PDB file of all heavy atoms in Angstrom:
ATOM      1  N   SER A   1      35.652 147.918  37.096  1.00  0.00           N
ATOM      2  CA  SER A   1      36.084 149.226  37.622  1.00  0.00           C
ATOM      3  C   SER A   1      34.948 150.219  37.554  1.00  0.00           C
ATOM      4  O   SER A   1      34.717 151.003  38.507  1.00  0.00           O
ATOM      5  CB  SER A   1      37.295 149.741  36.839  1.00  0.00           C
ATOM      6  OG  SER A   1      37.625 151.045  37.246  1.00  0.00           O
ATOM      7  N   TYR A   2      34.203 150.199  36.463  1.00  0.00           N
ATOM      8  CA  TYR A   2      33.077 151.124  36.290  1.00  0.00           C
ATOM      9  C   TYR A   2      32.007 150.845  37.362  1.00  0.00           C
ATOM     10  O   TYR A   2      31.467 151.785  37.969  1.00  0.00           O
ATOM     11  CB  TYR A   2      32.495 150.983  34.897  1.00  0.00           C
ATOM     12  CG  TYR A   2      31.385 151.964  34.598  1.00  0.00           C
ATOM     13  CD1 TYR A   2      31.666 153.319  34.401  1.00  0.00           C
ATOM     14  CD2 TYR A   2      30.062 151.547  34.539  1.00  0.00           C
ATOM     15  CE1 TYR A   2      30.668 154.229  34.119  1.00  0.00           C
ATOM     16  CE2 TYR A   2      29.040 152.442  34.244  1.00  0.00           C
ATOM     17  CZ  TYR A   2      29.348 153.772  34.035  1.00  0.00           C
ATOM     18  OH  TYR A   2      28.354 154.678  33.774  1.00  0.00           O
ATOM     19  N   LEU A   3      31.719 149.582  37.607  1.00  0.00           N
ATOM     20  CA  LEU A   3      30.717 149.226  38.601  1.00  0.00           C
ATOM     21  C   LEU A   3      31.163 149.665  40.001  1.00  0.00           C
ATOM     22  O   LEU A   3      30.337 150.166  40.791  1.00  0.00           O
ATOM     23  CB  LEU A   3      30.467 147.716  38.582  1.00  0.00           C
ATOM     24  CG  LEU A   3      29.721 147.186  37.343  1.00  0.00           C
ATOM     25  CD1 LEU A   3      29.731 145.662  37.326  1.00  0.00           C
ATOM     26  CD2 LEU A   3      28.301 147.718  37.299  1.00  0.00           C
ATOM     27  N   ARG A   4      32.438 149.505  40.321  1.00  0.00           N
ATOM     28  CA  ARG A   4      32.939 149.935  41.628  1.00  0.00           C
ATOM     29  C   ARG A   4      32.759 151.438  41.814  1.00  0.00           C
ATOM     30  O   ARG A   4      32.348 151.916  42.886  1.00  0.00           O
ATOM     31  CB  ARG A   4      34.421 149.563  41.785  1.00  0.00           C
ATOM     32  CG  ARG A   4      34.663 148.083  42.057  1.00  0.00           C
ATOM     33  CD  ARG A   4      36.074 147.853  42.554  1.00  0.00           C
ATOM     34  NE  ARG A   4      37.074 148.235  41.551  1.00  0.00           N
ATOM     35  CZ  ARG A   4      37.542 147.403  40.607  1.00  0.00           C
ATOM     36  NH1 ARG A   4      37.099 146.165  40.526  1.00  0.00           N
ATOM     37  NH2 ARG A   4      38.455 147.829  39.760  1.00  0.00           N
ATOM     38  N   ARG A   5      33.047 152.205  40.775  1.00  0.00           N
ATOM     39  CA  ARG A   5      32.914 153.644  40.856  1.00  0.00           C
ATOM     40  C   ARG A   5      31.439 154.049  40.970  1.00  0.00           C
ATOM     41  O   ARG A   5      31.091 155.002  41.680  1.00  0.00           O
ATOM     42  CB  ARG A   5      33.547 154.314  39.636  1.00  0.00           C
ATOM     43  CG  ARG A   5      35.072 154.342  39.687  1.00  0.00           C
ATOM     44  CD  ARG A   5      35.656 154.994  38.469  1.00  0.00           C
ATOM     45  NE  ARG A   5      35.634 154.111  37.309  1.00  0.00           N
ATOM     46  CZ  ARG A   5      35.644 154.533  36.059  1.00  0.00           C
ATOM     47  NH1 ARG A   5      35.648 155.808  35.775  1.00  0.00           N
ATOM     48  NH2 ARG A   5      35.634 153.658  35.059  1.00  0.00           N
ATOM     49  N   MET A   6      30.575 153.297  40.298  1.00  0.00           N
ATOM     50  CA  MET A   6      29.139 153.584  40.391  1.00  0.00           C
ATOM     51  C   MET A   6      28.626 153.349  41.804  1.00  0.00           C
ATOM     52  O   MET A   6      27.768 154.082  42.297  1.00  0.00           O
ATOM     53  CB  MET A   6      28.364 152.695  39.399  1.00  0.00           C
ATOM     54  CG  MET A   6      28.626 153.018  37.945  1.00  0.00           C
ATOM     55  SD  MET A   6      27.862 154.564  37.475  1.00  0.00           S
ATOM     56  CE  MET A   6      26.157 154.053  37.336  1.00  0.00           C
ATOM     57  N   VAL A   7      29.136 152.303  42.438  1.00  0.00           N
ATOM     58  CA  VAL A   7      28.758 152.032  43.835  1.00  0.00           C
ATOM     59  C   VAL A   7      29.275 153.127  44.747  1.00  0.00           C
ATOM     60  O   VAL A   7      28.552 153.647  45.601  1.00  0.00           O
ATOM     61  CB  VAL A   7      29.294 150.640  44.282  1.00  0.00           C
ATOM     62  CG1 VAL A   7      29.094 150.464  45.778  1.00  0.00           C
ATOM     63  CG2 VAL A   7      28.580 149.513  43.510  1.00  0.00           C
ATOM     64  N   SER A   8      30.546 153.517  44.562  1.00  0.00           N
ATOM     65  CA  SER A   8      31.138 154.568  45.394  1.00  0.00           C
ATOM     66  C   SER A   8      30.428 155.884  45.252  1.00  0.00           C
ATOM     67  O   SER A   8      30.291 156.665  46.198  1.00  0.00           O
ATOM     68  CB  SER A   8      32.611 154.757  45.022  1.00  0.00           C
ATOM     69  OG  SER A   8      33.374 153.588  45.287  1.00  0.00           O
ATOM     70  N   ALA A   9      29.926 156.163  44.016  1.00  0.00           N
ATOM     71  CA  ALA A   9      29.246 157.425  43.744  1.00  0.00           C
ATOM     72  C   ALA A   9      27.786 157.399  44.165  1.00  0.00           C
ATOM     73  O   ALA A   9      27.101 158.419  44.072  1.00  0.00           O
ATOM     74  CB  ALA A   9      29.345 157.768  42.265  1.00  0.00           C
ATOM     75  N   GLY A  10      27.280 156.230  44.582  1.00  0.00           N
ATOM     76  CA  GLY A  10      25.915 156.130  45.088  1.00  0.00           C
ATOM     77  C   GLY A  10      24.846 155.882  44.023  1.00  0.00           C
ATOM     78  O   GLY A  10      23.650 156.012  44.312  1.00  0.00           O
ATOM     79  N   PHE A  11      25.267 155.476  42.807  1.00  0.00           N
ATOM     80  CA  PHE A  11      24.286 155.194  41.773  1.00  0.00           C
ATOM     81  C   PHE A  11      23.855 153.722  41.790  1.00  0.00           C
ATOM     82  O   PHE A  11      22.764 153.380  41.307  1.00  0.00           O
ATOM     83  CB  PHE A  11      24.849 155.535  40.378  1.00  0.00           C
ATOM     84  CG  PHE A  11      25.004 157.004  40.154  1.00  0.00           C
ATOM     85  CD1 PHE A  11      26.166 157.657  40.452  1.00  0.00           C
ATOM     86  CD2 PHE A  11      23.938 157.743  39.651  1.00  0.00           C
ATOM     87  CE1 PHE A  11      26.316 159.011  40.245  1.00  0.00           C
ATOM     88  CE2 PHE A  11      24.063 159.098  39.438  1.00  0.00           C
ATOM     89  CZ  PHE A  11      25.259 159.752  39.753  1.00  0.00           C
ATOM     90  N   LEU A  12      24.692 152.858  42.340  1.00  0.00           N
ATOM     91  CA  LEU A  12      24.384 151.428  42.437  1.00  0.00           C
ATOM     92  C   LEU A  12      24.607 150.964  43.864  1.00  0.00           C
ATOM     93  O   LEU A  12      25.339 151.593  44.628  1.00  0.00           O
ATOM     94  CB  LEU A  12      25.284 150.616  41.513  1.00  0.00           C
ATOM     95  CG  LEU A  12      25.233 150.829  40.014  1.00  0.00           C
ATOM     96  CD1 LEU A  12      26.224 149.893  39.334  1.00  0.00           C
ATOM     97  CD2 LEU A  12      23.839 150.604  39.476  1.00  0.00           C
ATOM     98  N   GLU A  13      23.989 149.840  44.195  1.00  0.00           N
ATOM     99  CA  GLU A  13      24.264 149.158  45.461  1.00  0.00           C
ATOM    100  C   GLU A  13      24.437 147.675  45.177  1.00  0.00           C
ATOM    101  O   GLU A  13      23.814 147.117  44.261  1.00  0.00           O
ATOM    102  CB  GLU A  13      23.128 149.389  46.463  1.00  0.00           C
ATOM    103  CG  GLU A  13      21.806 148.827  46.032  1.00  0.00           C
ATOM    104  CD  GLU A  13      20.718 149.084  47.086  1.00  0.00           C
ATOM    105  OE1 GLU A  13      21.052 149.642  48.141  1.00  0.00           O
ATOM    106  OE2 GLU A  13      19.540 148.742  46.822  1.00  0.00           O
ATOM    107  N   GLN A  14      25.299 147.038  45.947  1.00  0.00           N
ATOM    108  CA  GLN A  14      25.485 145.604  45.810  1.00  0.00           C
ATOM    109  C   GLN A  14      24.316 144.908  46.505  1.00  0.00           C
ATOM    110  O   GLN A  14      23.861 145.324  47.566  1.00  0.00           O
ATOM    111  CB  GLN A  14      26.813 145.195  46.433  1.00  0.00           C
ATOM    112  CG  GLN A  14      28.001 145.814  45.752  1.00  0.00           C
ATOM    113  CD  GLN A  14      29.321 145.436  46.395  1.00  0.00           C
ATOM    114  OE1 GLN A  14      29.371 144.529  47.220  1.00  0.00           O
ATOM    115  NE2 GLN A  14      30.395 146.134  46.031  1.00  0.00           N
ATOM    116  N   ASP A  15      23.848 143.817  45.867  1.00  0.00           N
ATOM    117  CA  ASP A  15      22.645 143.141  46.399  1.00  0.00           C
ATOM    118  C   ASP A  15      22.757 141.647  46.196  1.00  0.00           C
ATOM    119  O   ASP A  15      22.084 141.050  45.353  1.00  0.00           O
ATOM    120  CB  ASP A  15      21.409 143.697  45.697  1.00  0.00           C
ATOM    121  CG  ASP A  15      20.122 143.210  46.329  1.00  0.00           C
ATOM    122  OD1 ASP A  15      20.177 142.594  47.402  1.00  0.00           O
ATOM    123  OD2 ASP A  15      19.038 143.421  45.740  1.00  0.00           O
ATOM    124  N   GLY A  16      23.646 141.027  46.946  1.00  0.00           N
ATOM    125  CA  GLY A  16      23.749 139.573  46.925  1.00  0.00           C
ATOM    126  C   GLY A  16      24.620 139.030  45.813  1.00  0.00           C
ATOM    127  O   GLY A  16      25.290 139.771  45.081  1.00  0.00           O
ATOM    128  N   ARG A  17      24.591 137.711  45.684  1.00  0.00           N
ATOM    129  CA  ARG A  17      25.381 137.010  44.668  1.00  0.00           C
ATOM    130  C   ARG A  17      24.491 135.936  44.041  1.00  0.00           C
ATOM    131  O   ARG A  17      23.563 135.426  44.670  1.00  0.00           O
ATOM    132  CB  ARG A  17      26.646 136.391  45.248  1.00  0.00           C
ATOM    133  CG  ARG A  17      27.546 137.393  45.944  1.00  0.00           C
ATOM    134  CD  ARG A  17      28.752 136.704  46.594  1.00  0.00           C
ATOM    135  NE  ARG A  17      29.686 136.227  45.597  1.00  0.00           N
ATOM    136  CZ  ARG A  17      30.716 136.946  45.124  1.00  0.00           C
ATOM    137  NH1 ARG A  17      30.903 138.164  45.578  1.00  0.00           N
ATOM    138  NH2 ARG A  17      31.550 136.438  44.257  1.00  0.00           N
ATOM    139  N   GLU A  18      24.814 135.561  42.802  1.00  0.00           N
ATOM    140  CA  GLU A  18      24.001 134.561  42.115  1.00  0.00           C
ATOM    141  C   GLU A  18      24.822 133.940  40.980  1.00  0.00           C
ATOM    142  O   GLU A  18      25.688 134.593  40.378  1.00  0.00           O
ATOM    143  CB  GLU A  18      22.756 135.249  41.509  1.00  0.00           C
ATOM    144  CG  GLU A  18      21.694 134.277  41.025  1.00  0.00           C
ATOM    145  CD  GLU A  18      20.418 135.021  40.617  1.00  0.00           C
ATOM    146  OE1 GLU A  18      19.589 135.297  41.500  1.00  0.00           O
ATOM    147  OE2 GLU A  18      20.288 135.358  39.417  1.00  0.00           O
ATOM    148  N   TYR A  19      24.558 132.673  40.692  1.00  0.00           N
ATOM    149  CA  TYR A  19      25.271 131.994  39.603  1.00  0.00           C
ATOM    150  C   TYR A  19      24.806 132.510  38.265  1.00  0.00           C
ATOM    151  O   TYR A  19      23.606 132.720  38.030  1.00  0.00           O
ATOM    152  CB  TYR A  19      25.017 130.471  39.675  1.00  0.00           C
ATOM    153  CG  TYR A  19      25.705 129.705  38.563  1.00  0.00           C
ATOM    154  CD1 TYR A  19      27.054 129.364  38.677  1.00  0.00           C
ATOM    155  CD2 TYR A  19      24.996 129.332  37.431  1.00  0.00           C
ATOM    156  CE1 TYR A  19      27.696 128.675  37.645  1.00  0.00           C
ATOM    157  CE2 TYR A  19      25.609 128.617  36.416  1.00  0.00           C
ATOM    158  CZ  TYR A  19      26.976 128.301  36.532  1.00  0.00           C
ATOM    159  OH  TYR A  19      27.587 127.613  35.519  1.00  0.00           O
ATOM    160  N   ARG A  20      25.746 132.764  37.368  1.00  0.00           N
ATOM    161  CA  ARG A  20      25.449 133.245  36.022  1.00  0.00           C
ATOM    162  C   ARG A  20      26.028 132.270  35.010  1.00  0.00           C
ATOM    163  O   ARG A  20      27.222 131.964  35.016  1.00  0.00           O
ATOM    164  CB  ARG A  20      26.047 134.637  35.795  1.00  0.00           C
ATOM    165  CG  ARG A  20      25.270 135.763  36.492  1.00  0.00           C
ATOM    166  CD  ARG A  20      23.885 135.900  35.834  1.00  0.00           C
ATOM    167  NE  ARG A  20      23.204 137.139  36.180  1.00  0.00           N
ATOM    168  CZ  ARG A  20      22.270 137.242  37.116  1.00  0.00           C
ATOM    169  NH1 ARG A  20      21.953 136.182  37.845  1.00  0.00           N
ATOM    170  NH2 ARG A  20      21.657 138.390  37.334  1.00  0.00           N
ATOM    171  N   ALA A  21      25.184 131.785  34.099  1.00  0.00           N
ATOM    172  CA  ALA A  21      25.619 130.788  33.105  1.00  0.00           C
ATOM    173  C   ALA A  21      26.630 131.403  32.154  1.00  0.00           C
ATOM    174  O   ALA A  21      27.544 130.702  31.666  1.00  0.00           O
ATOM    175  CB  ALA A  21      24.408 130.268  32.346  1.00  0.00           C
ATOM    176  N   ALA A  22      26.505 132.676  31.854  1.00  0.00           N
ATOM    177  CA  ALA A  22      27.403 133.312  30.883  1.00  0.00           C
ATOM    178  C   ALA A  22      28.847 133.242  31.331  1.00  0.00           C
ATOM    179  O   ALA A  22      29.762 133.014  30.528  1.00  0.00           O
ATOM    180  CB  ALA A  22      26.984 134.769  30.672  1.00  0.00           C
ATOM    181  N   SER A  23      29.066 133.449  32.627  1.00  0.00           N
ATOM    182  CA  SER A  23      30.453 133.409  33.158  1.00  0.00           C
ATOM    183  C   SER A  23      30.770 132.081  33.831  1.00  0.00           C
ATOM    184  O   SER A  23      31.920 131.817  34.178  1.00  0.00           O
ATOM    185  CB  SER A  23      30.652 134.556  34.172  1.00  0.00           C
ATOM    186  OG  SER A  23      29.751 134.401  35.267  1.00  0.00           O
ATOM    187  N   GLN A  24      29.724 131.246  34.027  1.00  0.00           N
ATOM    188  CA  GLN A  24      29.861 129.958  34.706  1.00  0.00           C
ATOM    189  C   GLN A  24      30.456 130.091  36.106  1.00  0.00           C
ATOM    190  O   GLN A  24      31.307 129.290  36.528  1.00  0.00           O
ATOM    191  CB  GLN A  24      30.703 128.992  33.847  1.00  0.00           C
ATOM    192  CG  GLN A  24      30.048 128.650  32.522  1.00  0.00           C
ATOM    193  CD  GLN A  24      30.816 127.590  31.749  1.00  0.00           C
ATOM    194  OE1 GLN A  24      31.977 127.373  31.952  1.00  0.00           O
ATOM    195  NE2 GLN A  24      30.110 126.898  30.854  1.00  0.00           N
ATOM    196  N   LYS A  25      30.009 131.147  36.798  1.00  0.00           N
ATOM    197  CA  LYS A  25      30.459 131.321  38.163  1.00  0.00           C
ATOM    198  C   LYS A  25      29.445 132.178  38.912  1.00  0.00           C
ATOM    199  O   LYS A  25      28.554 132.799  38.326  1.00  0.00           O
ATOM    200  CB  LYS A  25      31.846 131.975  38.210  1.00  0.00           C
ATOM    201  CG  LYS A  25      31.877 133.356  37.638  1.00  0.00           C
ATOM    202  CD  LYS A  25      33.312 133.920  37.688  1.00  0.00           C
ATOM    203  CE  LYS A  25      33.369 135.328  37.141  1.00  0.00           C
ATOM    204  NZ  LYS A  25      34.759 135.871  37.168  1.00  0.00           N
ATOM    205  N   THR A  26      29.571 132.180  40.240  1.00  0.00           N
ATOM    206  CA  THR A  26      28.713 133.015  41.063  1.00  0.00           C
ATOM    207  C   THR A  26      29.248 134.445  41.051  1.00  0.00           C
ATOM    208  O   THR A  26      30.431 134.669  41.311  1.00  0.00           O
ATOM    209  CB  THR A  26      28.674 132.481  42.513  1.00  0.00           C
ATOM    210  OG1 THR A  26      28.152 131.146  42.493  1.00  0.00           O
ATOM    211  CG2 THR A  26      27.771 133.351  43.385  1.00  0.00           C
ATOM    212  N   GLU A  27      28.371 135.371  40.729  1.00  0.00           N
ATOM    213  CA  GLU A  27      28.795 136.766  40.592  1.00  0.00           C
ATOM    214  C   GLU A  27      28.071 137.687  41.578  1.00  0.00           C
ATOM    215  O   GLU A  27      26.958 137.366  42.050  1.00  0.00           O
ATOM    216  CB  GLU A  27      28.491 137.287  39.182  1.00  0.00           C
ATOM    217  CG  GLU A  27      29.282 136.634  38.081  1.00  0.00           C
ATOM    218  CD  GLU A  27      28.999 137.318  36.750  1.00  0.00           C
ATOM    219  OE1 GLU A  27      29.133 138.563  36.680  1.00  0.00           O
ATOM    220  OE2 GLU A  27      28.632 136.616  35.797  1.00  0.00           O
ATOM    221  N   ARG A  28      28.676 138.805  41.849  1.00  0.00           N
ATOM    222  CA  ARG A  28      28.057 139.848  42.657  1.00  0.00           C
ATOM    223  C   ARG A  28      26.949 140.504  41.839  1.00  0.00           C
ATOM    224  O   ARG A  28      27.095 140.747  40.642  1.00  0.00           O
ATOM    225  CB  ARG A  28      29.101 140.886  43.066  1.00  0.00           C
ATOM    226  CG  ARG A  28      28.561 141.987  43.953  1.00  0.00           C
ATOM    227  CD  ARG A  28      29.668 142.925  44.414  1.00  0.00           C
ATOM    228  NE  ARG A  28      30.507 142.273  45.389  1.00  0.00           N
ATOM    229  CZ  ARG A  28      31.784 141.970  45.187  1.00  0.00           C
ATOM    230  NH1 ARG A  28      32.354 142.207  44.019  1.00  0.00           N
ATOM    231  NH2 ARG A  28      32.502 141.371  46.142  1.00  0.00           N
ATOM    232  N   LEU A  29      25.799 140.770  42.474  1.00  0.00           N
ATOM    233  CA  LEU A  29      24.678 141.409  41.815  1.00  0.00           C
ATOM    234  C   LEU A  29      24.568 142.863  42.242  1.00  0.00           C
ATOM    235  O   LEU A  29      24.950 143.230  43.362  1.00  0.00           O
ATOM    236  CB  LEU A  29      23.379 140.682  42.120  1.00  0.00           C
ATOM    237  CG  LEU A  29      23.293 139.214  41.681  1.00  0.00           C
ATOM    238  CD1 LEU A  29      21.931 138.637  42.049  1.00  0.00           C
ATOM    239  CD2 LEU A  29      23.549 139.066  40.199  1.00  0.00           C
ATOM    240  N   TYR A  30      24.019 143.672  41.360  1.00  0.00           N
ATOM    241  CA  TYR A  30      23.872 145.102  41.608  1.00  0.00           C
ATOM    242  C   TYR A  30      22.422 145.530  41.371  1.00  0.00           C
ATOM    243  O   TYR A  30      21.694 144.896  40.619  1.00  0.00           O
ATOM    244  CB  TYR A  30      24.793 145.910  40.697  1.00  0.00           C
ATOM    245  CG  TYR A  30      26.260 145.601  40.890  1.00  0.00           C
ATOM    246  CD1 TYR A  30      26.849 144.554  40.170  1.00  0.00           C
ATOM    247  CD2 TYR A  30      27.031 146.333  41.768  1.00  0.00           C
ATOM    248  CE1 TYR A  30      28.204 144.259  40.334  1.00  0.00           C
ATOM    249  CE2 TYR A  30      28.394 146.044  41.940  1.00  0.00           C
ATOM    250  CZ  TYR A  30      28.959 144.998  41.211  1.00  0.00           C
ATOM    251  OH  TYR A  30      30.277 144.700  41.391  1.00  0.00           O
ATOM    252  N   ARG A  31      22.058 146.629  42.022  1.00  0.00           N
ATOM    253  CA  ARG A  31      20.744 147.198  41.851  1.00  0.00           C
ATOM    254  C   ARG A  31      20.881 148.727  41.722  1.00  0.00           C
ATOM    255  O   ARG A  31      21.705 149.343  42.397  1.00  0.00           O
ATOM    256  CB  ARG A  31      19.829 146.853  43.028  1.00  0.00           C
ATOM    257  CG  ARG A  31      18.357 147.115  42.762  1.00  0.00           C
ATOM    258  CD  ARG A  31      17.527 146.912  44.037  1.00  0.00           C
ATOM    259  NE  ARG A  31      17.643 145.580  44.584  1.00  0.00           N
ATOM    260  CZ  ARG A  31      16.860 144.546  44.221  1.00  0.00           C
ATOM    261  NH1 ARG A  31      15.933 144.738  43.299  1.00  0.00           N
ATOM    262  NH2 ARG A  31      17.014 143.369  44.800  1.00  0.00           N
ATOM    263  N   LEU A  32      20.069 149.318  40.860  1.00  0.00           N
ATOM    264  CA  LEU A  32      20.103 150.760  40.666  1.00  0.00           C
ATOM    265  C   LEU A  32      19.546 151.506  41.882  1.00  0.00           C
ATOM    266  O   LEU A  32      18.501 151.130  42.404  1.00  0.00           O
ATOM    267  CB  LEU A  32      19.288 151.139  39.436  1.00  0.00           C
ATOM    268  CG  LEU A  32      19.997 151.256  38.084  1.00  0.00           C
ATOM    269  CD1 LEU A  32      18.968 151.453  36.974  1.00  0.00           C
ATOM    270  CD2 LEU A  32      21.003 152.384  38.081  1.00  0.00           C
TER     271      LEU A  32
END
């Protein structure tokens, strides 16, 4: 929820997806 609000407020942008071992799944990536 925090990440979604950060994107909406213009502090973050979504930038692709990538596999993460910690969650063992492909996740959305963000950039400042």
